[in-house]
Amino acid sequence: MPLLTIEKEKSIKLAAYITTIAICGAVIILNQKWIPHPDKFPSFIYSLPMLNAILNGTCTLLLLFSLMAIKKKNIQLHKKLNLSAFVLSAIFLVSYVTAHYFIPDTKYGDVDHNGIMSAAESSEVSNIKPFYVILLLLHIFLAIAVLPMVLISFYYGLTDQREKHKKLTRFSYPIWLFVTASGVIVYLMISPYYAYQ
């Protein structure tokens, strides 16, 4: 491999890791109580978690169709579907960071729609909460882990380095698919406890 190509690939990988660290840092910092948060903001902000779930669900479908396309050797359709999923994931990241800046975190089982929880509901919440927490942690950690892999595999795909692309997507694809699908499940589980609904 030419030295110029090796240097470019190193730069792409470094950019992917820096992007991942920057996004994680933004989410962590913007979620801190010591960061000033405006008292008033547009009401559409409260719709962002649902938008995020829709974006995740759409990405899940696009990724499944993308897999079918590549199995049928339809490379052009595969590229278009993956680029669409990539764009939607980028929109998701902007929306996710924005939502985390404005909306306080919701804890699973804190309140229900009426602000009242029966003993049976409380028991059900206690039984399901460990599953929710494990799923949420897996979703978060795998989302962080897969981001640089997705960025690098896109670089390989767009520069027609098929063997490297194929090798990396064996790992990145199932993780990305899990992250998008679990994002929808996490939203469906936590949304009944949003205090602002």
N, C-alpha and C. Protein backbone atom coordinates (compact mmCIF):
# COMPACT_ATOMS: atom_id res chain seq x y z
N MET A 1 0.85 -1.18 0.00
CA MET A 1 0.00 0.00 0.00
C MET A 1 0.90 1.25 0.00
N PRO A 2 0.61 2.22 -0.88
CA PRO A 2 1.44 3.44 -0.92
C PRO A 2 1.42 4.17 0.41
N LEU A 3 2.55 4.83 0.73
CA LEU A 3 2.70 5.55 1.99
C LEU A 3 1.63 6.62 2.15
N LEU A 4 1.29 7.31 1.05
CA LEU A 4 0.27 8.37 1.07
C LEU A 4 -1.08 7.80 1.52
N THR A 5 -1.43 6.62 1.02
CA THR A 5 -2.69 5.96 1.37
C THR A 5 -2.68 5.56 2.84
N ILE A 6 -1.56 5.05 3.32
CA ILE A 6 -1.44 4.65 4.73
C ILE A 6 -1.62 5.87 5.63
N GLU A 7 -0.98 6.98 5.26
CA GLU A 7 -1.10 8.21 6.06
C GLU A 7 -2.54 8.73 6.05
N LYS A 8 -3.19 8.66 4.88
CA LYS A 8 -4.59 9.13 4.79
C LYS A 8 -5.49 8.27 5.66
N GLU A 9 -5.26 6.95 5.62
CA GLU A 9 -6.07 6.03 6.43
C GLU A 9 -5.87 6.31 7.92
N LYS A 10 -4.64 6.58 8.32
CA LYS A 10 -4.37 6.93 9.73
C LYS A 10 -5.12 8.20 10.12
N SER A 11 -5.12 9.18 9.21
CA SER A 11 -5.82 10.44 9.47
C SER A 11 -7.32 10.24 9.60
N ILE A 12 -7.88 9.38 8.75
CA ILE A 12 -9.32 9.07 8.80
C ILE A 12 -9.66 8.41 10.13
N LYS A 13 -8.84 7.44 10.53
CA LYS A 13 -9.08 6.74 11.80
C LYS A 13 -8.98 7.71 12.98
N LEU A 14 -7.97 8.56 12.96
CA LEU A 14 -7.81 9.56 14.02
C LEU A 14 -9.02 10.49 14.08
N ALA A 15 -9.49 10.93 12.92
CA ALA A 15 -10.68 11.81 12.85
C ALA A 15 -11.91 11.10 13.41
N ALA A 16 -12.03 9.80 13.12
CA ALA A 16 -13.17 9.01 13.63
C ALA A 16 -13.14 8.93 15.15
N TYR A 17 -11.95 8.71 15.72
CA TYR A 17 -11.82 8.61 17.18
C TYR A 17 -12.05 9.98 17.84
N ILE A 18 -11.53 11.03 17.23
CA ILE A 18 -11.71 12.39 17.78
C ILE A 18 -13.19 12.78 17.74
N THR A 19 -13.87 12.46 16.64
CA THR A 19 -15.31 12.74 16.52
C THR A 19 -16.09 12.02 17.61
N THR A 20 -15.76 10.76 17.85
CA THR A 20 -16.45 9.97 18.89
C THR A 20 -16.23 10.58 20.27
N ILE A 21 -14.99 10.94 20.57
CA ILE A 21 -14.67 11.55 21.87
C ILE A 21 -15.39 12.89 22.03
N ALA A 22 -15.43 13.69 20.95
CA ALA A 22 -16.09 15.00 21.01
C ALA A 22 -17.58 14.87 21.27
N ILE A 23 -18.23 13.92 20.61
CA ILE A 23 -19.68 13.72 20.80
C ILE A 23 -19.96 13.24 22.22
N CYS A 24 -19.17 12.27 22.70
CA CYS A 24 -19.35 11.76 24.08
C CYS A 24 -19.13 12.89 25.08
N GLY A 25 -18.08 13.68 24.85
CA GLY A 25 -17.79 14.81 25.74
C GLY A 25 -18.92 15.82 25.76
N ALA A 26 -19.47 16.12 24.58
CA ALA A 26 -20.59 17.08 24.49
C ALA A 26 -21.80 16.59 25.28
N VAL A 27 -22.14 15.31 25.14
CA VAL A 27 -23.30 14.75 25.87
C VAL A 27 -23.05 14.82 27.38
N ILE A 28 -21.86 14.44 27.81
CA ILE A 28 -21.55 14.45 29.25
C ILE A 28 -21.56 15.87 29.80
N ILE A 29 -20.90 16.79 29.12
CA ILE A 29 -20.81 18.17 29.62
C ILE A 29 -22.16 18.86 29.61
N LEU A 30 -22.91 18.73 28.51
CA LEU A 30 -24.20 19.41 28.42
C LEU A 30 -25.23 18.87 29.40
N ASN A 31 -24.97 17.68 29.92
CA ASN A 31 -25.90 17.07 30.88
C ASN A 31 -25.59 17.44 32.33
N GLN A 32 -24.53 18.20 32.55
CA GLN A 32 -24.14 18.58 33.91
C GLN A 32 -25.01 19.71 34.45
N LYS A 33 -25.27 19.67 35.74
CA LYS A 33 -26.11 20.68 36.38
C LYS A 33 -25.43 22.05 36.42
N TRP A 34 -24.09 22.09 36.43
CA TRP A 34 -23.38 23.36 36.51
C TRP A 34 -23.35 24.11 35.18
N ILE A 35 -23.75 23.45 34.10
CA ILE A 35 -23.85 24.14 32.80
C ILE A 35 -25.16 24.93 32.81
N PRO A 36 -25.12 26.22 32.48
CA PRO A 36 -26.36 27.00 32.47
C PRO A 36 -27.34 26.47 31.41
N HIS A 37 -28.58 26.27 31.83
CA HIS A 37 -29.64 25.82 30.94
C HIS A 37 -30.71 26.91 30.88
N PRO A 38 -31.21 27.24 29.69
CA PRO A 38 -32.23 28.29 29.60
C PRO A 38 -33.53 27.88 30.28
N ASP A 39 -34.21 28.85 30.87
CA ASP A 39 -35.51 28.58 31.51
C ASP A 39 -36.59 28.32 30.47
N LYS A 40 -36.48 29.03 29.34
CA LYS A 40 -37.49 28.88 28.29
C LYS A 40 -36.82 28.38 27.02
N PHE A 41 -37.51 27.47 26.35
CA PHE A 41 -37.03 26.96 25.07
C PHE A 41 -38.24 26.47 24.28
N PRO A 42 -38.08 26.29 22.97
CA PRO A 42 -39.22 25.90 22.13
C PRO A 42 -39.82 24.57 22.59
N SER A 43 -41.14 24.45 22.51
CA SER A 43 -41.83 23.25 22.97
C SER A 43 -41.50 22.01 22.14
N PHE A 44 -41.04 22.21 20.89
CA PHE A 44 -40.71 21.05 20.06
C PHE A 44 -39.57 20.22 20.65
N ILE A 45 -38.80 20.81 21.55
CA ILE A 45 -37.68 20.09 22.19
C ILE A 45 -38.20 18.82 22.87
N TYR A 46 -39.42 18.90 23.45
CA TYR A 46 -39.98 17.73 24.13
C TYR A 46 -40.36 16.61 23.15
N SER A 47 -40.42 16.92 21.87
CA SER A 47 -40.72 15.90 20.86
C SER A 47 -39.47 15.19 20.37
N LEU A 48 -38.30 15.69 20.76
CA LEU A 48 -37.05 15.11 20.24
C LEU A 48 -36.84 13.64 20.65
N PRO A 49 -37.16 13.23 21.90
CA PRO A 49 -36.98 11.80 22.20
C PRO A 49 -37.80 10.89 21.27
N MET A 50 -39.04 11.30 20.95
CA MET A 50 -39.83 10.49 20.03
C MET A 50 -39.21 10.52 18.62
N LEU A 51 -38.75 11.70 18.20
CA LEU A 51 -38.08 11.81 16.90
C LEU A 51 -36.86 10.88 16.87
N ASN A 52 -36.11 10.86 17.97
CA ASN A 52 -34.93 9.99 18.05
C ASN A 52 -35.30 8.52 17.88
N ALA A 53 -36.41 8.11 18.50
CA ALA A 53 -36.87 6.72 18.38
C ALA A 53 -37.28 6.42 16.93
N ILE A 54 -37.94 7.38 16.29
CA ILE A 54 -38.34 7.20 14.88
C ILE A 54 -37.10 7.09 13.99
N LEU A 55 -36.12 7.96 14.24
CA LEU A 55 -34.87 7.91 13.47
C LEU A 55 -34.17 6.57 13.67
N ASN A 56 -34.11 6.10 14.92
CA ASN A 56 -33.49 4.80 15.21
C ASN A 56 -34.23 3.66 14.52
N GLY A 57 -35.56 3.69 14.60
CA GLY A 57 -36.37 2.65 13.97
C GLY A 57 -36.18 2.62 12.46
N THR A 58 -36.14 3.82 11.86
CA THR A 58 -35.94 3.92 10.41
C THR A 58 -34.55 3.39 10.03
N CYS A 59 -33.55 3.74 10.84
CA CYS A 59 -32.18 3.23 10.59
C CYS A 59 -32.14 1.71 10.68
N THR A 60 -32.86 1.15 11.63
CA THR A 60 -32.92 -0.32 11.76
C THR A 60 -33.43 -0.94 10.47
N LEU A 61 -34.52 -0.40 9.94
CA LEU A 61 -35.09 -0.92 8.69
C LEU A 61 -34.13 -0.74 7.52
N LEU A 62 -33.52 0.44 7.43
CA LEU A 62 -32.57 0.70 6.35
C LEU A 62 -31.39 -0.27 6.40
N LEU A 63 -30.90 -0.56 7.61
CA LEU A 63 -29.77 -1.48 7.76
C LEU A 63 -30.16 -2.91 7.36
N LEU A 64 -31.38 -3.31 7.69
CA LEU A 64 -31.85 -4.64 7.29
C LEU A 64 -31.98 -4.74 5.78
N PHE A 65 -32.56 -3.71 5.15
CA PHE A 65 -32.69 -3.69 3.69
C PHE A 65 -31.31 -3.62 3.02
N SER A 66 -30.38 -2.92 3.66
CA SER A 66 -29.02 -2.82 3.14
C SER A 66 -28.35 -4.19 3.11
N LEU A 67 -28.56 -4.97 4.16
CA LEU A 67 -28.00 -6.33 4.21
C LEU A 67 -28.59 -7.18 3.09
N MET A 68 -29.91 -7.07 2.89
CA MET A 68 -30.55 -7.83 1.81
C MET A 68 -29.99 -7.42 0.45
N ALA A 69 -29.78 -6.11 0.29
CA ALA A 69 -29.26 -5.61 -1.00
C ALA A 69 -27.87 -6.15 -1.29
N ILE A 70 -27.00 -6.17 -0.29
CA ILE A 70 -25.63 -6.64 -0.54
C ILE A 70 -25.61 -8.16 -0.75
N LYS A 71 -26.51 -8.88 -0.10
CA LYS A 71 -26.59 -10.33 -0.32
C LYS A 71 -27.02 -10.63 -1.75
N LYS A 72 -27.80 -9.70 -2.35
CA LYS A 72 -28.22 -9.85 -3.75
C LYS A 72 -27.23 -9.19 -4.70
N LYS A 73 -26.06 -8.77 -4.16
CA LYS A 73 -24.99 -8.12 -4.94
C LYS A 73 -25.41 -6.79 -5.56
N ASN A 74 -26.41 -6.15 -4.97
CA ASN A 74 -26.86 -4.84 -5.46
C ASN A 74 -26.08 -3.76 -4.69
N ILE A 75 -24.87 -3.49 -5.15
CA ILE A 75 -23.96 -2.59 -4.43
C ILE A 75 -24.48 -1.16 -4.40
N GLN A 76 -25.06 -0.70 -5.49
CA GLN A 76 -25.56 0.69 -5.54
C GLN A 76 -26.68 0.91 -4.53
N LEU A 77 -27.62 -0.02 -4.48
CA LEU A 77 -28.72 0.10 -3.50
C LEU A 77 -28.16 0.00 -2.08
N HIS A 78 -27.23 -0.91 -1.87
CA HIS A 78 -26.57 -1.07 -0.57
C HIS A 78 -25.94 0.25 -0.12
N LYS A 79 -25.23 0.92 -1.03
CA LYS A 79 -24.60 2.20 -0.71
C LYS A 79 -25.64 3.26 -0.36
N LYS A 80 -26.69 3.34 -1.18
CA LYS A 80 -27.74 4.35 -0.95
C LYS A 80 -28.42 4.15 0.39
N LEU A 81 -28.74 2.90 0.72
CA LEU A 81 -29.40 2.60 2.00
C LEU A 81 -28.49 2.93 3.18
N ASN A 82 -27.20 2.58 3.05
CA ASN A 82 -26.26 2.86 4.13
C ASN A 82 -26.02 4.36 4.30
N LEU A 83 -25.93 5.07 3.18
CA LEU A 83 -25.77 6.53 3.26
C LEU A 83 -27.00 7.18 3.91
N SER A 84 -28.18 6.66 3.58
CA SER A 84 -29.42 7.18 4.20
C SER A 84 -29.40 6.92 5.70
N ALA A 85 -29.00 5.71 6.09
CA ALA A 85 -28.91 5.38 7.52
C ALA A 85 -27.88 6.26 8.21
N PHE A 86 -26.77 6.53 7.52
CA PHE A 86 -25.71 7.37 8.07
C PHE A 86 -26.21 8.81 8.30
N VAL A 87 -26.91 9.36 7.30
CA VAL A 87 -27.46 10.72 7.42
C VAL A 87 -28.47 10.79 8.56
N LEU A 88 -29.36 9.80 8.64
CA LEU A 88 -30.36 9.78 9.72
C LEU A 88 -29.68 9.64 11.08
N SER A 89 -28.61 8.86 11.14
CA SER A 89 -27.87 8.72 12.40
C SER A 89 -27.19 10.03 12.79
N ALA A 90 -26.71 10.78 11.81
CA ALA A 90 -26.11 12.09 12.09
C ALA A 90 -27.17 13.06 12.62
N ILE A 91 -28.35 13.04 12.01
CA ILE A 91 -29.47 13.88 12.50
C ILE A 91 -29.84 13.45 13.91
N PHE A 92 -29.86 12.12 14.15
CA PHE A 92 -30.14 11.60 15.48
C PHE A 92 -29.16 12.16 16.50
N LEU A 93 -27.86 12.15 16.17
CA LEU A 93 -26.84 12.63 17.12
C LEU A 93 -27.08 14.10 17.49
N VAL A 94 -27.39 14.92 16.50
CA VAL A 94 -27.67 16.35 16.77
C VAL A 94 -28.90 16.47 17.66
N SER A 95 -29.94 15.72 17.32
CA SER A 95 -31.18 15.76 18.09
C SER A 95 -30.97 15.23 19.51
N TYR A 96 -30.19 14.17 19.64
CA TYR A 96 -29.91 13.55 20.94
C TYR A 96 -29.16 14.51 21.86
N VAL A 97 -28.12 15.13 21.32
CA VAL A 97 -27.33 16.09 22.11
C VAL A 97 -28.21 17.28 22.50
N THR A 98 -29.03 17.77 21.58
CA THR A 98 -29.94 18.90 21.87
C THR A 98 -30.92 18.52 22.97
N ALA A 99 -31.54 17.35 22.86
CA ALA A 99 -32.51 16.90 23.87
C ALA A 99 -31.85 16.78 25.24
N HIS A 100 -30.63 16.24 25.28
CA HIS A 100 -29.94 16.08 26.55
C HIS A 100 -29.54 17.42 27.18
N TYR A 101 -29.38 18.41 26.35
CA TYR A 101 -29.05 19.74 26.88
C TYR A 101 -30.27 20.37 27.56
N PHE A 102 -31.42 20.27 26.93
CA PHE A 102 -32.61 20.96 27.42
C PHE A 102 -33.44 20.14 28.41
N ILE A 103 -33.57 18.85 28.19
CA ILE A 103 -34.50 18.03 28.98
C ILE A 103 -33.74 17.29 30.08
N PRO A 104 -34.21 17.43 31.33
CA PRO A 104 -33.54 16.69 32.42
C PRO A 104 -33.72 15.18 32.23
N ASP A 105 -32.76 14.41 32.73
CA ASP A 105 -32.85 12.95 32.63
C ASP A 105 -34.08 12.43 33.35
N THR A 106 -34.67 11.40 32.76
CA THR A 106 -35.80 10.72 33.38
C THR A 106 -35.31 9.38 33.89
N LYS A 107 -35.66 9.06 35.13
CA LYS A 107 -35.26 7.78 35.71
C LYS A 107 -36.42 6.79 35.55
N TYR A 108 -36.09 5.55 35.21
CA TYR A 108 -37.11 4.53 34.97
C TYR A 108 -37.93 4.29 36.23
N GLY A 109 -39.25 4.43 36.09
CA GLY A 109 -40.16 4.14 37.20
C GLY A 109 -40.39 5.28 38.17
N ASP A 110 -39.88 6.50 37.86
CA ASP A 110 -40.06 7.62 38.78
C ASP A 110 -41.53 8.01 38.96
N VAL A 111 -42.23 8.25 37.85
CA VAL A 111 -43.65 8.61 37.90
C VAL A 111 -44.35 7.91 36.75
N ASP A 112 -45.66 7.85 36.80
CA ASP A 112 -46.40 7.39 35.63
C ASP A 112 -47.21 8.57 35.09
N HIS A 113 -48.08 8.31 34.12
CA HIS A 113 -48.83 9.40 33.47
C HIS A 113 -49.63 10.23 34.48
N ASN A 114 -50.15 9.59 35.52
CA ASN A 114 -50.99 10.30 36.49
C ASN A 114 -50.20 10.83 37.68
N GLY A 115 -48.94 10.48 37.77
CA GLY A 115 -48.15 10.87 38.93
C GLY A 115 -48.38 9.93 40.11
N ILE A 116 -49.19 8.89 39.92
CA ILE A 116 -49.51 7.94 40.99
C ILE A 116 -49.20 6.53 40.48
N MET A 117 -48.65 5.70 41.36
CA MET A 117 -48.34 4.34 40.96
C MET A 117 -48.89 3.37 42.00
N SER A 118 -49.65 2.39 41.52
CA SER A 118 -50.20 1.40 42.44
C SER A 118 -49.09 0.46 42.90
N ALA A 119 -49.39 -0.35 43.93
CA ALA A 119 -48.41 -1.30 44.45
C ALA A 119 -48.03 -2.32 43.37
N ALA A 120 -49.03 -2.76 42.59
CA ALA A 120 -48.77 -3.73 41.52
C ALA A 120 -47.87 -3.13 40.46
N GLU A 121 -48.15 -1.87 40.08
CA GLU A 121 -47.31 -1.19 39.08
C GLU A 121 -45.89 -1.01 39.61
N SER A 122 -45.79 -0.64 40.89
CA SER A 122 -44.48 -0.44 41.51
C SER A 122 -43.67 -1.73 41.51
N SER A 123 -44.33 -2.84 41.78
CA SER A 123 -43.68 -4.15 41.78
C SER A 123 -43.22 -4.52 40.37
N GLU A 124 -44.09 -4.24 39.39
CA GLU A 124 -43.75 -4.53 37.99
C GLU A 124 -42.53 -3.72 37.55
N VAL A 125 -42.50 -2.44 37.96
CA VAL A 125 -41.36 -1.57 37.64
C VAL A 125 -40.09 -2.15 38.24
N SER A 126 -40.15 -2.59 39.49
CA SER A 126 -38.97 -3.16 40.16
C SER A 126 -38.46 -4.40 39.45
N ASN A 127 -39.39 -5.22 38.92
CA ASN A 127 -39.01 -6.44 38.22
C ASN A 127 -38.37 -6.16 36.86
N ILE A 128 -38.88 -5.14 36.17
CA ILE A 128 -38.42 -4.84 34.81
C ILE A 128 -37.20 -3.91 34.80
N LYS A 129 -37.03 -3.12 35.85
CA LYS A 129 -35.97 -2.11 35.86
C LYS A 129 -34.57 -2.69 35.59
N PRO A 130 -34.18 -3.85 36.18
CA PRO A 130 -32.84 -4.37 35.88
C PRO A 130 -32.64 -4.64 34.38
N PHE A 131 -33.67 -5.17 33.71
CA PHE A 131 -33.59 -5.40 32.26
C PHE A 131 -33.40 -4.08 31.53
N TYR A 132 -34.18 -3.06 31.94
CA TYR A 132 -34.08 -1.74 31.31
C TYR A 132 -32.67 -1.16 31.48
N VAL A 133 -32.14 -1.23 32.70
CA VAL A 133 -30.82 -0.65 32.98
C VAL A 133 -29.74 -1.36 32.16
N ILE A 134 -29.79 -2.70 32.10
CA ILE A 134 -28.81 -3.47 31.32
C ILE A 134 -28.91 -3.10 29.84
N LEU A 135 -30.15 -3.04 29.32
CA LEU A 135 -30.35 -2.69 27.92
C LEU A 135 -29.85 -1.28 27.63
N LEU A 136 -30.15 -0.34 28.52
CA LEU A 136 -29.71 1.05 28.35
C LEU A 136 -28.19 1.14 28.34
N LEU A 137 -27.54 0.47 29.30
CA LEU A 137 -26.07 0.51 29.37
C LEU A 137 -25.43 -0.12 28.14
N LEU A 138 -25.98 -1.26 27.70
CA LEU A 138 -25.48 -1.89 26.48
C LEU A 138 -25.66 -0.95 25.28
N HIS A 139 -26.83 -0.33 25.20
CA HIS A 139 -27.13 0.61 24.11
C HIS A 139 -26.12 1.76 24.09
N ILE A 140 -25.86 2.35 25.24
CA ILE A 140 -24.95 3.50 25.33
C ILE A 140 -23.51 3.09 25.00
N PHE A 141 -23.02 2.04 25.66
CA PHE A 141 -21.62 1.65 25.45
C PHE A 141 -21.36 1.15 24.03
N LEU A 142 -22.31 0.40 23.49
CA LEU A 142 -22.12 -0.09 22.12
C LEU A 142 -22.26 1.05 21.10
N ALA A 143 -23.11 2.04 21.40
CA ALA A 143 -23.23 3.21 20.51
C ALA A 143 -21.89 3.95 20.44
N ILE A 144 -21.25 4.08 21.59
CA ILE A 144 -19.93 4.75 21.63
C ILE A 144 -18.90 3.91 20.87
N ALA A 145 -18.92 2.59 21.12
CA ALA A 145 -17.93 1.71 20.49
C ALA A 145 -18.10 1.63 18.98
N VAL A 146 -19.34 1.65 18.50
CA VAL A 146 -19.58 1.43 17.08
C VAL A 146 -19.35 2.69 16.23
N LEU A 147 -19.45 3.87 16.83
CA LEU A 147 -19.33 5.09 16.03
C LEU A 147 -18.04 5.17 15.22
N PRO A 148 -16.85 4.99 15.83
CA PRO A 148 -15.65 5.04 14.98
C PRO A 148 -15.61 3.92 13.95
N MET A 149 -16.14 2.74 14.31
CA MET A 149 -16.16 1.63 13.36
C MET A 149 -17.02 1.96 12.14
N VAL A 150 -18.19 2.58 12.39
CA VAL A 150 -19.08 2.96 11.29
C VAL A 150 -18.41 4.00 10.40
N LEU A 151 -17.79 5.01 11.03
CA LEU A 151 -17.11 6.05 10.25
C LEU A 151 -16.00 5.47 9.38
N ILE A 152 -15.21 4.56 9.95
CA ILE A 152 -14.09 3.96 9.21
C ILE A 152 -14.61 3.02 8.12
N SER A 153 -15.66 2.24 8.44
CA SER A 153 -16.19 1.33 7.41
C SER A 153 -16.82 2.12 6.27
N PHE A 154 -17.39 3.29 6.57
CA PHE A 154 -17.90 4.15 5.50
C PHE A 154 -16.75 4.64 4.62
N TYR A 155 -15.65 5.00 5.24
CA TYR A 155 -14.48 5.42 4.46
C TYR A 155 -14.03 4.30 3.52
N TYR A 156 -13.96 3.07 4.06
CA TYR A 156 -13.55 1.94 3.23
C TYR A 156 -14.54 1.70 2.09
N GLY A 157 -15.83 1.80 2.41
CA GLY A 157 -16.85 1.58 1.38
C GLY A 157 -16.81 2.64 0.30
N LEU A 158 -16.69 3.89 0.71
CA LEU A 158 -16.71 5.00 -0.26
C LEU A 158 -15.43 5.06 -1.11
N THR A 159 -14.33 4.51 -0.58
CA THR A 159 -13.07 4.49 -1.36
C THR A 159 -12.86 3.14 -2.04
N ASP A 160 -13.92 2.31 -2.04
CA ASP A 160 -13.94 1.03 -2.73
C ASP A 160 -12.86 0.06 -2.23
N GLN A 161 -12.58 0.11 -0.94
CA GLN A 161 -11.66 -0.87 -0.32
C GLN A 161 -12.52 -2.00 0.24
N ARG A 162 -13.02 -2.81 -0.66
CA ARG A 162 -14.08 -3.78 -0.32
C ARG A 162 -13.68 -4.80 0.73
N GLU A 163 -12.46 -5.31 0.65
CA GLU A 163 -12.05 -6.33 1.62
C GLU A 163 -11.98 -5.76 3.03
N LYS A 164 -11.41 -4.57 3.17
CA LYS A 164 -11.35 -3.93 4.49
C LYS A 164 -12.75 -3.57 4.98
N HIS A 165 -13.58 -3.10 4.05
CA HIS A 165 -14.96 -2.75 4.40
C HIS A 165 -15.70 -3.97 4.92
N LYS A 166 -15.57 -5.08 4.17
CA LYS A 166 -16.26 -6.32 4.54
C LYS A 166 -15.78 -6.84 5.90
N LYS A 167 -14.46 -6.79 6.10
CA LYS A 167 -13.86 -7.28 7.34
C LYS A 167 -14.36 -6.49 8.56
N LEU A 168 -14.41 -5.17 8.42
CA LEU A 168 -14.84 -4.32 9.54
C LEU A 168 -16.35 -4.40 9.78
N THR A 169 -17.13 -4.45 8.70
CA THR A 169 -18.59 -4.46 8.87
C THR A 169 -19.11 -5.78 9.46
N ARG A 170 -18.28 -6.82 9.44
CA ARG A 170 -18.68 -8.05 10.14
C ARG A 170 -18.92 -7.76 11.63
N PHE A 171 -18.17 -6.79 12.16
CA PHE A 171 -18.33 -6.39 13.57
C PHE A 171 -19.27 -5.18 13.70
N SER A 172 -19.04 -4.17 12.86
CA SER A 172 -19.77 -2.91 13.03
C SER A 172 -21.26 -3.05 12.69
N TYR A 173 -21.58 -3.85 11.67
CA TYR A 173 -22.98 -3.95 11.25
C TYR A 173 -23.90 -4.49 12.35
N PRO A 174 -23.61 -5.67 12.94
CA PRO A 174 -24.53 -6.17 13.98
C PRO A 174 -24.62 -5.25 15.20
N ILE A 175 -23.51 -4.57 15.52
CA ILE A 175 -23.53 -3.65 16.66
C ILE A 175 -24.39 -2.44 16.34
N TRP A 176 -24.20 -1.88 15.15
CA TRP A 176 -25.01 -0.72 14.74
C TRP A 176 -26.49 -1.08 14.70
N LEU A 177 -26.80 -2.27 14.18
CA LEU A 177 -28.18 -2.75 14.12
C LEU A 177 -28.75 -2.89 15.53
N PHE A 178 -27.98 -3.46 16.45
CA PHE A 178 -28.44 -3.59 17.84
C PHE A 178 -28.68 -2.22 18.46
N VAL A 179 -27.77 -1.28 18.23
CA VAL A 179 -27.88 0.06 18.81
C VAL A 179 -29.15 0.75 18.33
N THR A 180 -29.43 0.69 17.03
CA THR A 180 -30.62 1.37 16.51
C THR A 180 -31.91 0.71 17.02
N ALA A 181 -31.94 -0.62 17.02
CA ALA A 181 -33.13 -1.33 17.49
C ALA A 181 -33.34 -1.15 18.99
N SER A 182 -32.27 -1.24 19.76
CA SER A 182 -32.40 -1.08 21.22
C SER A 182 -32.77 0.34 21.60
N GLY A 183 -32.38 1.32 20.76
CA GLY A 183 -32.78 2.71 21.01
C GLY A 183 -34.29 2.86 21.02
N VAL A 184 -34.96 2.16 20.12
CA VAL A 184 -36.43 2.20 20.06
C VAL A 184 -37.02 1.55 21.32
N ILE A 185 -36.48 0.41 21.71
CA ILE A 185 -36.99 -0.31 22.89
C ILE A 185 -36.78 0.53 24.15
N VAL A 186 -35.60 1.14 24.29
CA VAL A 186 -35.32 1.99 25.44
C VAL A 186 -36.33 3.15 25.50
N TYR A 187 -36.59 3.77 24.35
CA TYR A 187 -37.57 4.87 24.31
C TYR A 187 -38.95 4.38 24.75
N LEU A 188 -39.40 3.24 24.21
CA LEU A 188 -40.73 2.73 24.55
C LEU A 188 -40.83 2.40 26.04
N MET A 189 -39.73 1.96 26.64
CA MET A 189 -39.75 1.61 28.06
C MET A 189 -39.73 2.84 28.96
N ILE A 190 -39.00 3.89 28.58
CA ILE A 190 -38.84 5.05 29.45
C ILE A 190 -39.92 6.11 29.23
N SER A 191 -40.49 6.18 28.03
CA SER A 191 -41.41 7.27 27.70
C SER A 191 -42.63 7.39 28.63
N PRO A 192 -43.17 6.29 29.19
CA PRO A 192 -44.31 6.48 30.11
C PRO A 192 -43.95 7.29 31.37
N TYR A 193 -42.66 7.42 31.65
CA TYR A 193 -42.23 8.11 32.87
C TYR A 193 -41.76 9.55 32.62
N TYR A 194 -41.89 10.02 31.37
CA TYR A 194 -41.54 11.41 31.11
C TYR A 194 -42.48 12.33 31.88
N ALA A 195 -41.92 13.24 32.63
CA ALA A 195 -42.72 14.16 33.47
C ALA A 195 -43.40 15.23 32.63
N TYR A 196 -42.92 15.46 31.41
CA TYR A 196 -43.41 16.58 30.60
C TYR A 196 -44.50 16.18 29.61
N GLN A 197 -44.94 14.92 29.63
CA GLN A 197 -45.98 14.51 28.67
C GLN A 197 -47.34 14.98 29.11
